Amino acid sequence: MTPPSQTVHSLATAHIVRCLRERAGASIKPLVVGVSGPQGAGKTTLTTNLINSLRIEHNLRAICFSLDDLYLTFEEQNKLRLKHPNNPYSHSEAILRNRLKEEQWTKVELPIDVILFEGWCLGFKPVTSISQVETMTKGSKFGADFEQFTVENMMDVQSELAKLEQIHKLLDVFIHICAEDIGYVYDWRQQQEDSMREKLGDPSAGLDRDQLRDFVSRFMPLYLICLPELEARGFFTTEAGKEKHLRVVIGKSREVISSAMI
């Protein structure tokens, strides 16, 4: 059981530093760390804080980017929405391989010790069996929210997930923030909407409750289909990846409930 004083940030920092020390002298390449977790779990906050703590406390240089940086263009998303109106896969792994014009580059001071890459579905492996997909989504407590999705919708997304393997191959370390109950995502999104309305001073801004429910529900099929495998087997499948995966389970208030090295 994780001591109450531990936070996701302290656990993640210790994990990264340990993995760096274990490979000291073995590689001059930056350590590439994948950070995964459901929407609202605190991934972006974690990566931002990690950059600061690694620099200040450990004299390490770190940079980060997100799966959200790889969204398709607005025009491409509209085309995808018309083709798959219910549950599209709206990222493009090809963007990782395309080079921006040099004047658009973000300037980074070398050397870099750690590269953090965060995304809500990072680590998800595709499930190719239709019967397995049906079994994993049937009888869910989110049943009413699934009425808009067909098995074909969900299988389309599963086929797109296979493209993430090109990203997965680049990861040296994996940090997974797990919600004790995936239903917390609805509450976390509501908190974000309420916070935005308060900052804007506009009670009508953002999504209303029905719109929020509809939006979050579009992510639930992938959670229900892919999370069990990631949580049961871990991210790495080879001996070299042993104890490179940190799993942190958090409660509704994002407090740490437990953690484990996998």
C-alpha atoms as a PDB file:
ATOM      1  CA  MET A   1       0.000   0.000   0.000  1.00  0.00           C
ATOM      2  CA  THR A   2       1.308   3.430  -0.907  1.00  0.00           C
ATOM      3  CA  PRO A   3       2.026   5.705   2.092  1.00  0.00           C
ATOM      4  CA  PRO A   4      -0.535   8.558   2.335  1.00  0.00           C
ATOM      5  CA  SER A   5       2.229  11.143   1.935  1.00  0.00           C
ATOM      6  CA  GLN A   6       3.036   9.926  -1.572  1.00  0.00           C
ATOM      7  CA  THR A   7       1.655  11.843  -4.539  1.00  0.00           C
ATOM      8  CA  VAL A   8       1.481  10.952  -8.217  1.00  0.00           C
ATOM      9  CA  HIS A   9       4.164  13.579  -8.788  1.00  0.00           C
ATOM     10  CA  SER A  10       6.586  12.220  -6.179  1.00  0.00           C
ATOM     11  CA  LEU A  11       6.083   8.635  -7.364  1.00  0.00           C
ATOM     12  CA  ALA A  12       6.590   9.596 -11.014  1.00  0.00           C
ATOM     13  CA  THR A  13       9.703  11.644 -10.249  1.00  0.00           C
ATOM     14  CA  ALA A  14      11.285   8.791  -8.306  1.00  0.00           C
ATOM     15  CA  HIS A  15      10.407   6.337 -11.081  1.00  0.00           C
ATOM     16  CA  ILE A  16      12.011   8.447 -13.809  1.00  0.00           C
ATOM     17  CA  VAL A  17      15.150   9.168 -11.784  1.00  0.00           C
ATOM     18  CA  ARG A  18      15.567   5.479 -10.930  1.00  0.00           C
ATOM     19  CA  CYS A  19      15.208   4.435 -14.579  1.00  0.00           C
ATOM     20  CA  LEU A  20      17.765   7.054 -15.615  1.00  0.00           C
ATOM     21  CA  ARG A  21      20.262   5.839 -13.021  1.00  0.00           C
ATOM     22  CA  GLU A  22      19.818   2.211 -14.050  1.00  0.00           C
ATOM     23  CA  ARG A  23      20.856   2.973 -17.594  1.00  0.00           C
ATOM     24  CA  ALA A  24      23.597   5.484 -16.700  1.00  0.00           C
ATOM     25  CA  GLY A  25      26.418   5.207 -19.220  1.00  0.00           C
ATOM     26  CA  ALA A  26      24.466   2.773 -21.372  1.00  0.00           C
ATOM     27  CA  SER A  27      22.846   5.374 -23.607  1.00  0.00           C
ATOM     28  CA  ILE A  28      23.281   9.007 -24.529  1.00  0.00           C
ATOM     29  CA  LYS A  29      19.739   9.238 -25.910  1.00  0.00           C
ATOM     30  CA  PRO A  30      17.038  10.981 -23.870  1.00  0.00           C
ATOM     31  CA  LEU A  31      14.805   8.779 -21.748  1.00  0.00           C
ATOM     32  CA  VAL A  32      11.384   8.744 -23.429  1.00  0.00           C
ATOM     33  CA  VAL A  33       8.577   8.523 -20.877  1.00  0.00           C
ATOM     34  CA  GLY A  34       4.957   7.811 -21.769  1.00  0.00           C
ATOM     35  CA  VAL A  35       2.342   9.240 -19.399  1.00  0.00           C
ATOM     36  CA  SER A  36      -1.156   7.819 -19.741  1.00  0.00           C
ATOM     37  CA  GLY A  37      -4.401   8.347 -17.871  1.00  0.00           C
ATOM     38  CA  PRO A  38      -8.051   9.224 -18.443  1.00  0.00           C
ATOM     39  CA  GLN A  39      -9.220  12.761 -19.105  1.00  0.00           C
ATOM     40  CA  GLY A  40      -9.121  14.855 -15.970  1.00  0.00           C
ATOM     41  CA  ALA A  41      -6.736  12.566 -14.092  1.00  0.00           C
ATOM     42  CA  GLY A  42      -3.992  15.198 -14.072  1.00  0.00           C
ATOM     43  CA  LYS A  43      -1.625  14.129 -16.875  1.00  0.00           C
ATOM     44  CA  THR A  44      -0.908  17.620 -18.177  1.00  0.00           C
ATOM     45  CA  THR A  45      -0.404  19.027 -14.695  1.00  0.00           C
ATOM     46  CA  LEU A  46       1.892  16.114 -13.884  1.00  0.00           C
ATOM     47  CA  THR A  47       4.105  16.558 -16.949  1.00  0.00           C
ATOM     48  CA  THR A  48       4.380  20.309 -16.347  1.00  0.00           C
ATOM     49  CA  ASN A  49       5.381  19.746 -12.721  1.00  0.00           C
ATOM     50  CA  LEU A  50       7.808  16.984 -13.674  1.00  0.00           C
ATOM     51  CA  ILE A  51       9.718  19.313 -15.990  1.00  0.00           C
ATOM     52  CA  ASN A  52      10.176  21.746 -13.105  1.00  0.00           C
ATOM     53  CA  SER A  53      11.054  19.198 -10.419  1.00  0.00           C
ATOM     54  CA  LEU A  54      13.471  17.258 -12.628  1.00  0.00           C
ATOM     55  CA  ARG A  55      15.281  20.507 -13.425  1.00  0.00           C
ATOM     56  CA  ILE A  56      15.305  22.029  -9.945  1.00  0.00           C
ATOM     57  CA  GLU A  57      15.760  18.933  -7.776  1.00  0.00           C
ATOM     58  CA  HIS A  58      17.801  16.680 -10.072  1.00  0.00           C
ATOM     59  CA  ASN A  59      19.483  19.038 -12.562  1.00  0.00           C
ATOM     60  CA  LEU A  60      17.843  17.207 -15.466  1.00  0.00           C
ATOM     61  CA  ARG A  61      16.535  18.805 -18.636  1.00  0.00           C
ATOM     62  CA  ALA A  62      13.105  17.633 -19.733  1.00  0.00           C
ATOM     63  CA  ILE A  63      10.622  18.580 -22.438  1.00  0.00           C
ATOM     64  CA  CYS A  64       7.082  17.397 -23.060  1.00  0.00           C
ATOM     65  CA  PHE A  65       4.428  17.145 -25.718  1.00  0.00           C
ATOM     66  CA  SER A  66       0.999  15.582 -25.926  1.00  0.00           C
ATOM     67  CA  LEU A  67      -1.144  13.341 -28.063  1.00  0.00           C
ATOM     68  CA  ASP A  68      -3.366  16.414 -28.342  1.00  0.00           C
ATOM     69  CA  ASP A  69      -0.571  18.022 -30.374  1.00  0.00           C
ATOM     70  CA  LEU A  70      -1.235  15.404 -33.052  1.00  0.00           C
ATOM     71  CA  TYR A  71      -4.866  16.182 -33.808  1.00  0.00           C
ATOM     72  CA  LEU A  72      -5.976  16.115 -37.400  1.00  0.00           C
ATOM     73  CA  THR A  73      -6.713  19.490 -38.968  1.00  0.00           C
ATOM     74  CA  PHE A  74     -10.218  20.948 -38.550  1.00  0.00           C
ATOM     75  CA  GLU A  75     -11.058  20.075 -42.154  1.00  0.00           C
ATOM     76  CA  GLU A  76      -9.810  16.504 -41.723  1.00  0.00           C
ATOM     77  CA  GLN A  77     -11.773  16.088 -38.490  1.00  0.00           C
ATOM     78  CA  ASN A  78     -14.966  17.235 -40.218  1.00  0.00           C
ATOM     79  CA  LYS A  79     -14.455  14.661 -42.963  1.00  0.00           C
ATOM     80  CA  LEU A  80     -13.853  12.007 -40.333  1.00  0.00           C
ATOM     81  CA  ARG A  81     -16.966  13.098 -38.418  1.00  0.00           C
ATOM     82  CA  LEU A  82     -19.109  12.572 -41.511  1.00  0.00           C
ATOM     83  CA  LYS A  83     -17.613   9.151 -42.151  1.00  0.00           C
ATOM     84  CA  HIS A  84     -17.667   8.018 -38.501  1.00  0.00           C
ATOM     85  CA  PRO A  85     -20.225  10.218 -36.694  1.00  0.00           C
ATOM     86  CA  ASN A  86     -20.095   8.419 -33.359  1.00  0.00           C
ATOM     87  CA  ASN A  87     -16.606   7.550 -32.210  1.00  0.00           C
ATOM     88  CA  PRO A  88     -13.829   8.692 -34.556  1.00  0.00           C
ATOM     89  CA  TYR A  89     -10.104   8.412 -33.961  1.00  0.00           C
ATOM     90  CA  SER A  90      -8.988  12.005 -34.433  1.00  0.00           C
ATOM     91  CA  HIS A  91      -5.210  11.889 -34.063  1.00  0.00           C
ATOM     92  CA  SER A  92      -2.566  11.377 -36.716  1.00  0.00           C
ATOM     93  CA  GLU A  93       0.553   9.453 -35.808  1.00  0.00           C
ATOM     94  CA  ALA A  94       1.942  10.558 -39.181  1.00  0.00           C
ATOM     95  CA  ILE A  95       2.411  14.058 -37.765  1.00  0.00           C
ATOM     96  CA  LEU A  96       5.245  12.614 -35.687  1.00  0.00           C
ATOM     97  CA  ARG A  97       7.106  11.819 -38.884  1.00  0.00           C
ATOM     98  CA  ASN A  98       6.369  15.061 -40.710  1.00  0.00           C
ATOM     99  CA  ARG A  99       8.789  17.921 -40.305  1.00  0.00           C
ATOM    100  CA  LEU A 100       7.657  21.464 -39.726  1.00  0.00           C
ATOM    101  CA  LYS A 101       9.400  24.251 -41.544  1.00  0.00           C
ATOM    102  CA  GLU A 102      12.491  25.221 -39.601  1.00  0.00           C
ATOM    103  CA  GLU A 103      11.119  28.666 -38.726  1.00  0.00           C
ATOM    104  CA  GLN A 104       8.233  26.904 -36.940  1.00  0.00           C
ATOM    105  CA  TRP A 105      10.451  24.720 -34.771  1.00  0.00           C
ATOM    106  CA  THR A 106      10.347  25.065 -31.009  1.00  0.00           C
ATOM    107  CA  LYS A 107      13.883  25.807 -29.900  1.00  0.00           C
ATOM    108  CA  VAL A 108      15.259  23.326 -27.367  1.00  0.00           C
ATOM    109  CA  GLU A 109      18.528  23.701 -25.528  1.00  0.00           C
ATOM    110  CA  LEU A 110      20.573  20.496 -25.654  1.00  0.00           C
ATOM    111  CA  PRO A 111      21.291  18.098 -24.130  1.00  0.00           C
ATOM    112  CA  ILE A 112      17.857  16.768 -23.184  1.00  0.00           C
ATOM    113  CA  ASP A 113      17.702  14.073 -20.531  1.00  0.00           C
ATOM    114  CA  VAL A 114      13.986  13.251 -20.523  1.00  0.00           C
ATOM    115  CA  ILE A 115      11.202  13.499 -23.109  1.00  0.00           C
ATOM    116  CA  LEU A 116       7.679  13.267 -21.662  1.00  0.00           C
ATOM    117  CA  PHE A 117       4.823  12.292 -23.964  1.00  0.00           C
ATOM    118  CA  GLU A 118       1.297  12.238 -22.535  1.00  0.00           C
ATOM    119  CA  GLY A 119      -1.990  10.989 -23.922  1.00  0.00           C
ATOM    120  CA  TRP A 120      -5.288   9.594 -22.691  1.00  0.00           C
ATOM    121  CA  CYS A 121      -5.116   6.410 -24.794  1.00  0.00           C
ATOM    122  CA  LEU A 122      -1.354   5.925 -24.722  1.00  0.00           C
ATOM    123  CA  GLY A 123      -0.592   2.278 -24.032  1.00  0.00           C
ATOM    124  CA  PHE A 124      -3.891   0.991 -25.411  1.00  0.00           C
ATOM    125  CA  LYS A 125      -3.482  -2.112 -27.572  1.00  0.00           C
ATOM    126  CA  PRO A 126      -6.113  -2.974 -30.187  1.00  0.00           C
ATOM    127  CA  VAL A 127      -8.600  -5.763 -29.534  1.00  0.00           C
ATOM    128  CA  THR A 128      -9.310  -7.461 -32.857  1.00  0.00           C
ATOM    129  CA  SER A 129     -12.035  -9.900 -31.785  1.00  0.00           C
ATOM    130  CA  ILE A 130     -15.592  -8.659 -32.367  1.00  0.00           C
ATOM    131  CA  SER A 131     -16.974 -11.095 -29.790  1.00  0.00           C
ATOM    132  CA  GLN A 132     -14.462  -9.853 -27.223  1.00  0.00           C
ATOM    133  CA  VAL A 133     -15.451  -6.244 -27.872  1.00  0.00           C
ATOM    134  CA  GLU A 134     -19.131  -7.144 -27.496  1.00  0.00           C
ATOM    135  CA  THR A 135     -18.459  -8.994 -24.242  1.00  0.00           C
ATOM    136  CA  MET A 136     -16.420  -6.166 -22.744  1.00  0.00           C
ATOM    137  CA  THR A 137     -19.013  -3.477 -23.473  1.00  0.00           C
ATOM    138  CA  LYS A 138     -22.212  -5.455 -22.872  1.00  0.00           C
ATOM    139  CA  GLY A 139     -23.913  -4.908 -19.532  1.00  0.00           C
ATOM    140  CA  SER A 140     -21.769  -1.887 -18.664  1.00  0.00           C
ATOM    141  CA  LYS A 141     -23.115   0.499 -16.034  1.00  0.00           C
ATOM    142  CA  PHE A 142     -22.766   3.116 -18.776  1.00  0.00           C
ATOM    143  CA  GLY A 143     -25.175   1.107 -20.942  1.00  0.00           C
ATOM    144  CA  ALA A 144     -27.501   3.947 -21.900  1.00  0.00           C
ATOM    145  CA  ASP A 145     -24.524   5.975 -23.089  1.00  0.00           C
ATOM    146  CA  PHE A 146     -23.512   3.192 -25.464  1.00  0.00           C
ATOM    147  CA  GLU A 147     -26.700   3.165 -27.507  1.00  0.00           C
ATOM    148  CA  GLN A 148     -25.196   5.553 -30.068  1.00  0.00           C
ATOM    149  CA  PHE A 149     -22.287   3.206 -30.795  1.00  0.00           C
ATOM    150  CA  THR A 150     -22.282   0.130 -33.001  1.00  0.00           C
ATOM    151  CA  VAL A 151     -19.767  -2.699 -32.896  1.00  0.00           C
ATOM    152  CA  GLU A 152     -18.582  -1.470 -36.294  1.00  0.00           C
ATOM    153  CA  ASN A 153     -17.841   1.960 -34.778  1.00  0.00           C
ATOM    154  CA  MET A 154     -15.780   0.397 -32.035  1.00  0.00           C
ATOM    155  CA  MET A 155     -13.908  -1.937 -34.370  1.00  0.00           C
ATOM    156  CA  ASP A 156     -13.003   1.005 -36.631  1.00  0.00           C
ATOM    157  CA  VAL A 157     -11.322   2.702 -33.679  1.00  0.00           C
ATOM    158  CA  GLN A 158      -9.577  -0.540 -32.712  1.00  0.00           C
ATOM    159  CA  SER A 159      -8.035  -0.769 -36.180  1.00  0.00           C
ATOM    160  CA  GLU A 160      -6.762   2.816 -35.882  1.00  0.00           C
ATOM    161  CA  LEU A 161      -5.217   2.028 -32.493  1.00  0.00           C
ATOM    162  CA  ALA A 162      -2.748  -0.294 -34.195  1.00  0.00           C
ATOM    163  CA  LYS A 163      -1.027   2.817 -35.573  1.00  0.00           C
ATOM    164  CA  LEU A 164      -0.101   3.849 -32.027  1.00  0.00           C
ATOM    165  CA  GLU A 165       2.398   1.000 -31.975  1.00  0.00           C
ATOM    166  CA  GLN A 166       4.762   3.273 -33.906  1.00  0.00           C
ATOM    167  CA  ILE A 167       4.721   5.582 -30.876  1.00  0.00           C
ATOM    168  CA  HIS A 168       4.819   2.796 -28.295  1.00  0.00           C
ATOM    169  CA  LYS A 169       8.089   1.502 -29.743  1.00  0.00           C
ATOM    170  CA  LEU A 170       9.767   4.786 -28.818  1.00  0.00           C
ATOM    171  CA  LEU A 171       8.917   4.632 -25.103  1.00  0.00           C
ATOM    172  CA  ASP A 172      11.541   3.581 -22.553  1.00  0.00           C
ATOM    173  CA  VAL A 173       9.395   4.137 -19.457  1.00  0.00           C
ATOM    174  CA  PHE A 174       5.655   4.168 -18.856  1.00  0.00           C
ATOM    175  CA  ILE A 175       3.590   5.914 -16.170  1.00  0.00           C
ATOM    176  CA  HIS A 176      -0.088   5.022 -15.980  1.00  0.00           C
ATOM    177  CA  ILE A 177      -2.524   6.989 -13.818  1.00  0.00           C
ATOM    178  CA  CYS A 178      -5.500   4.691 -13.228  1.00  0.00           C
ATOM    179  CA  ALA A 179      -8.873   5.870 -11.945  1.00  0.00           C
ATOM    180  CA  GLU A 180     -10.221   3.657  -9.180  1.00  0.00           C
ATOM    181  CA  ASP A 181     -13.539   3.986 -11.028  1.00  0.00           C
ATOM    182  CA  ILE A 182     -13.466   5.061 -14.674  1.00  0.00           C
ATOM    183  CA  GLY A 183     -16.809   6.780 -14.078  1.00  0.00           C
ATOM    184  CA  TYR A 184     -14.871   9.517 -12.270  1.00  0.00           C
ATOM    185  CA  VAL A 185     -14.071  10.926 -15.715  1.00  0.00           C
ATOM    186  CA  TYR A 186     -17.591  12.378 -15.874  1.00  0.00           C
ATOM    187  CA  ASP A 187     -17.061  14.160 -12.540  1.00  0.00           C
ATOM    188  CA  TRP A 188     -13.599  15.399 -13.488  1.00  0.00           C
ATOM    189  CA  ARG A 189     -14.895  16.848 -16.740  1.00  0.00           C
ATOM    190  CA  GLN A 190     -17.715  18.557 -14.855  1.00  0.00           C
ATOM    191  CA  GLN A 191     -15.127  20.107 -12.530  1.00  0.00           C
ATOM    192  CA  GLN A 192     -13.226  21.441 -15.540  1.00  0.00           C
ATOM    193  CA  GLU A 193     -16.375  22.967 -17.036  1.00  0.00           C
ATOM    194  CA  ASP A 194     -17.371  24.540 -13.698  1.00  0.00           C
ATOM    195  CA  SER A 195     -13.871  25.969 -13.264  1.00  0.00           C
ATOM    196  CA  MET A 196     -13.916  27.449 -16.766  1.00  0.00           C
ATOM    197  CA  ARG A 197     -17.317  29.085 -16.185  1.00  0.00           C
ATOM    198  CA  GLU A 198     -16.086  30.583 -12.928  1.00  0.00           C
ATOM    199  CA  LYS A 199     -12.953  32.003 -14.564  1.00  0.00           C
ATOM    200  CA  LEU A 200     -14.954  33.474 -17.441  1.00  0.00           C
ATOM    201  CA  GLY A 201     -17.702  34.754 -15.181  1.00  0.00           C
ATOM    202  CA  ASP A 202     -20.196  33.219 -17.606  1.00  0.00           C
ATOM    203  CA  PRO A 203     -22.541  30.548 -16.199  1.00  0.00           C
ATOM    204  CA  SER A 204     -23.660  29.571 -19.709  1.00  0.00           C
ATOM    205  CA  ALA A 205     -20.172  28.905 -21.100  1.00  0.00           C
ATOM    206  CA  GLY A 206     -18.997  25.429 -22.022  1.00  0.00           C
ATOM    207  CA  LEU A 207     -20.971  22.204 -22.086  1.00  0.00           C
ATOM    208  CA  ASP A 208     -24.249  21.698 -20.269  1.00  0.00           C
ATOM    209  CA  ARG A 209     -24.775  18.403 -18.421  1.00  0.00           C
ATOM    210  CA  ASP A 210     -26.323  16.573 -21.376  1.00  0.00           C
ATOM    211  CA  GLN A 211     -23.607  17.756 -23.756  1.00  0.00           C
ATOM    212  CA  LEU A 212     -20.928  16.796 -21.246  1.00  0.00           C
ATOM    213  CA  ARG A 213     -22.407  13.321 -20.830  1.00  0.00           C
ATOM    214  CA  ASP A 214     -22.511  12.857 -24.584  1.00  0.00           C
ATOM    215  CA  PHE A 215     -18.927  14.070 -25.024  1.00  0.00           C
ATOM    216  CA  VAL A 216     -17.352  11.935 -22.295  1.00  0.00           C
ATOM    217  CA  SER A 217     -19.367   8.876 -23.326  1.00  0.00           C
ATOM    218  CA  ARG A 218     -17.562   8.840 -26.661  1.00  0.00           C
ATOM    219  CA  PHE A 219     -14.365   7.836 -24.860  1.00  0.00           C
ATOM    220  CA  MET A 220     -15.903   5.129 -22.688  1.00  0.00           C
ATOM    221  CA  PRO A 221     -15.897   2.292 -25.256  1.00  0.00           C
ATOM    222  CA  LEU A 222     -12.129   2.515 -25.602  1.00  0.00           C
ATOM    223  CA  TYR A 223     -11.665   2.606 -21.836  1.00  0.00           C
ATOM    224  CA  LEU A 224     -13.818  -0.470 -21.314  1.00  0.00           C
ATOM    225  CA  ILE A 225     -12.223  -2.388 -24.176  1.00  0.00           C
ATOM    226  CA  CYS A 226      -8.544  -1.517 -23.719  1.00  0.00           C
ATOM    227  CA  LEU A 227      -7.947  -0.688 -20.059  1.00  0.00           C
ATOM    228  CA  PRO A 228      -8.379  -4.263 -18.736  1.00  0.00           C
ATOM    229  CA  GLU A 229      -5.490  -5.522 -20.872  1.00  0.00           C
ATOM    230  CA  LEU A 230      -3.186  -2.638 -19.938  1.00  0.00           C
ATOM    231  CA  GLU A 231      -3.987  -2.994 -16.244  1.00  0.00           C
ATOM    232  CA  ALA A 232      -3.639  -6.787 -16.243  1.00  0.00           C
ATOM    233  CA  ARG A 233      -0.462  -7.217 -18.312  1.00  0.00           C
ATOM    234  CA  GLY A 234       1.247  -3.851 -18.199  1.00  0.00           C
ATOM    235  CA  PHE A 235       2.737  -1.840 -21.040  1.00  0.00           C
ATOM    236  CA  PHE A 236       6.009  -3.689 -21.641  1.00  0.00           C
ATOM    237  CA  THR A 237       6.042  -7.328 -22.701  1.00  0.00           C
ATOM    238  CA  THR A 238       9.765  -8.125 -22.532  1.00  0.00           C
ATOM    239  CA  GLU A 239      12.169  -8.763 -19.663  1.00  0.00           C
ATOM    240  CA  ALA A 240      13.979  -5.524 -20.513  1.00  0.00           C
ATOM    241  CA  GLY A 241      10.812  -3.620 -19.678  1.00  0.00           C
ATOM    242  CA  LYS A 242      10.376  -5.170 -16.242  1.00  0.00           C
ATOM    243  CA  GLU A 243       9.612  -2.539 -13.563  1.00  0.00           C
ATOM    244  CA  LYS A 244       9.713   0.239 -16.162  1.00  0.00           C
ATOM    245  CA  HIS A 245       5.930   0.636 -15.878  1.00  0.00           C
ATOM    246  CA  LEU A 246       4.629   2.604 -12.889  1.00  0.00           C
ATOM    247  CA  ARG A 247       0.930   2.218 -12.166  1.00  0.00           C
ATOM    248  CA  VAL A 248      -0.698   4.709  -9.791  1.00  0.00           C
ATOM    249  CA  VAL A 249      -4.343   4.228  -8.809  1.00  0.00           C
ATOM    250  CA  ILE A 250      -6.144   7.419  -7.780  1.00  0.00           C
ATOM    251  CA  GLY A 251      -9.496   8.129  -6.153  1.00  0.00           C
ATOM    252  CA  LYS A 252     -12.192  10.629  -7.011  1.00  0.00           C
ATOM    253  CA  SER A 253     -10.254  13.490  -5.402  1.00  0.00           C
ATOM    254  CA  ARG A 254      -7.147  12.352  -7.319  1.00  0.00           C
ATOM    255  CA  GLU A 255      -5.564  11.085  -4.112  1.00  0.00           C
ATOM    256  CA  VAL A 256      -3.152   8.162  -4.445  1.00  0.00           C
ATOM    257  CA  ILE A 257      -4.746   4.890  -3.366  1.00  0.00           C
ATOM    258  CA  SER A 258      -1.998   2.492  -4.432  1.00  0.00           C
ATOM    259  CA  SER A 259       1.008   2.174  -6.709  1.00  0.00           C
ATOM    260  CA  ALA A 260       3.030  -0.648  -8.208  1.00  0.00           C
ATOM    261  CA  MET A 261       5.996  -1.297 -10.490  1.00  0.00           C
ATOM    262  CA  ILE A 262       5.189  -3.657 -13.335  1.00  0.00           C
END
